[in-house]
Amino acid sequence: MRLQCKQCGWVPPEDMTARDAQLHFQMDHDTDEMKLDLVAVCTCGEAMAFTVSRPTGGGIKDYLECGVCGSTGYVRRESA
């Protein structure tokens, strides 16, 4: 899992502070509002795309697919 810019897919370096990341939004998107997505990452390094959700015993599985290499995976969410 990693953070990336919701608008353009930019990935902040791991050691970057929130203040430093805000510069990306100010300079590249002309806004002070930071919008980052938490995305699943394939072993090839690309963000995986959501395909479908299915209920499972006590939760939900979100299935994912890599658009670059075709790998698949899932993230399990427990019900609250």
Protein backbone atom coordinates (compact mmCIF):
# COMPACT_ATOMS: atom_id res chain seq x y z
CA MET A 1 0.00 0.00 0.00
CA ARG A 2 1.16 3.53 -0.73
CA LEU A 3 -0.07 7.09 -0.94
CA GLN A 4 -0.39 8.81 -4.30
CA CYS A 5 -1.91 12.03 -5.61
CA LYS A 6 -5.59 11.60 -6.40
CA GLN A 7 -5.36 13.98 -9.37
CA CYS A 8 -2.18 12.94 -11.19
CA GLY A 9 -0.83 9.74 -9.56
CA TRP A 10 2.34 11.39 -8.20
CA VAL A 11 3.92 9.29 -5.43
CA PRO A 12 5.56 11.25 -2.60
CA PRO A 13 8.94 9.93 -1.41
CA GLU A 14 8.72 7.93 1.83
CA ASP A 15 10.72 10.50 3.80
CA MET A 16 8.66 13.50 2.62
CA THR A 17 6.77 15.53 5.21
CA ALA A 18 3.16 16.68 4.78
CA ARG A 19 4.41 20.26 4.48
CA ASP A 20 6.70 19.22 1.60
CA ALA A 21 3.91 17.26 -0.09
CA GLN A 22 1.66 20.32 0.09
CA LEU A 23 4.10 22.09 -2.24
CA HIS A 24 3.18 19.55 -4.94
CA PHE A 25 -0.49 20.51 -4.66
CA GLN A 26 0.25 24.23 -4.61
CA MET A 27 2.62 24.16 -7.58
CA ASP A 28 1.11 21.42 -9.76
CA HIS A 29 -2.60 21.77 -8.95
CA ASP A 30 -2.85 25.40 -7.73
CA THR A 31 -4.57 24.40 -4.48
CA ASP A 32 -3.80 24.11 -0.77
CA GLU A 33 -6.04 21.05 -0.45
CA MET A 34 -4.08 17.80 -0.37
CA LYS A 35 -5.96 14.81 -1.80
CA LEU A 36 -4.05 11.55 -1.54
CA ASP A 37 -5.35 8.05 -2.21
CA LEU A 38 -4.14 4.95 -0.39
CA VAL A 39 -3.65 2.39 -3.18
CA ALA A 40 -2.57 -1.24 -3.38
CA VAL A 41 0.70 -1.70 -5.26
CA CYS A 42 1.61 -4.62 -7.50
CA THR A 43 4.97 -6.37 -7.15
CA CYS A 44 5.95 -4.68 -10.45
CA GLY A 45 5.58 -1.29 -8.70
CA GLU A 46 2.39 -0.07 -10.39
CA ALA A 47 -0.84 0.86 -8.61
CA MET A 48 -3.51 -1.82 -8.91
CA ALA A 49 -7.04 -1.02 -10.08
CA PHE A 50 -10.17 -2.07 -8.21
CA THR A 51 -12.31 -4.60 -10.13
CA VAL A 52 -15.05 -5.94 -7.83
CA SER A 53 -16.06 -6.40 -4.16
CA ARG A 54 -17.45 -9.66 -2.79
CA PRO A 55 -18.72 -10.49 0.70
CA THR A 56 -16.71 -13.04 2.62
CA GLY A 57 -17.07 -14.55 6.10
CA GLY A 58 -17.12 -11.52 8.38
CA GLY A 59 -16.05 -8.93 5.83
CA ILE A 60 -15.55 -7.95 2.21
CA LYS A 61 -12.80 -8.71 -0.31
CA ASP A 62 -11.93 -5.99 -2.81
CA TYR A 63 -10.34 -7.60 -5.86
CA LEU A 64 -7.59 -5.74 -7.72
CA GLU A 65 -5.78 -6.08 -11.04
CA CYS A 66 -2.54 -4.58 -12.35
CA GLY A 67 -3.04 -2.85 -15.69
CA VAL A 68 0.64 -3.28 -16.59
CA CYS A 69 1.50 -6.93 -15.88
CA GLY A 70 -1.97 -8.45 -15.29
CA SER A 71 -1.32 -9.66 -11.74
CA THR A 72 -4.35 -9.92 -9.47
CA GLY A 73 -4.87 -9.71 -5.74
CA TYR A 74 -7.31 -8.66 -3.06
CA VAL A 75 -7.61 -6.60 0.09
CA ARG A 76 -9.83 -7.96 2.85
CA ARG A 77 -11.90 -5.52 4.90
CA GLU A 78 -13.50 -6.70 8.12
CA SER A 79 -17.05 -5.62 8.85
CA ALA A 80 -17.46 -3.07 11.61
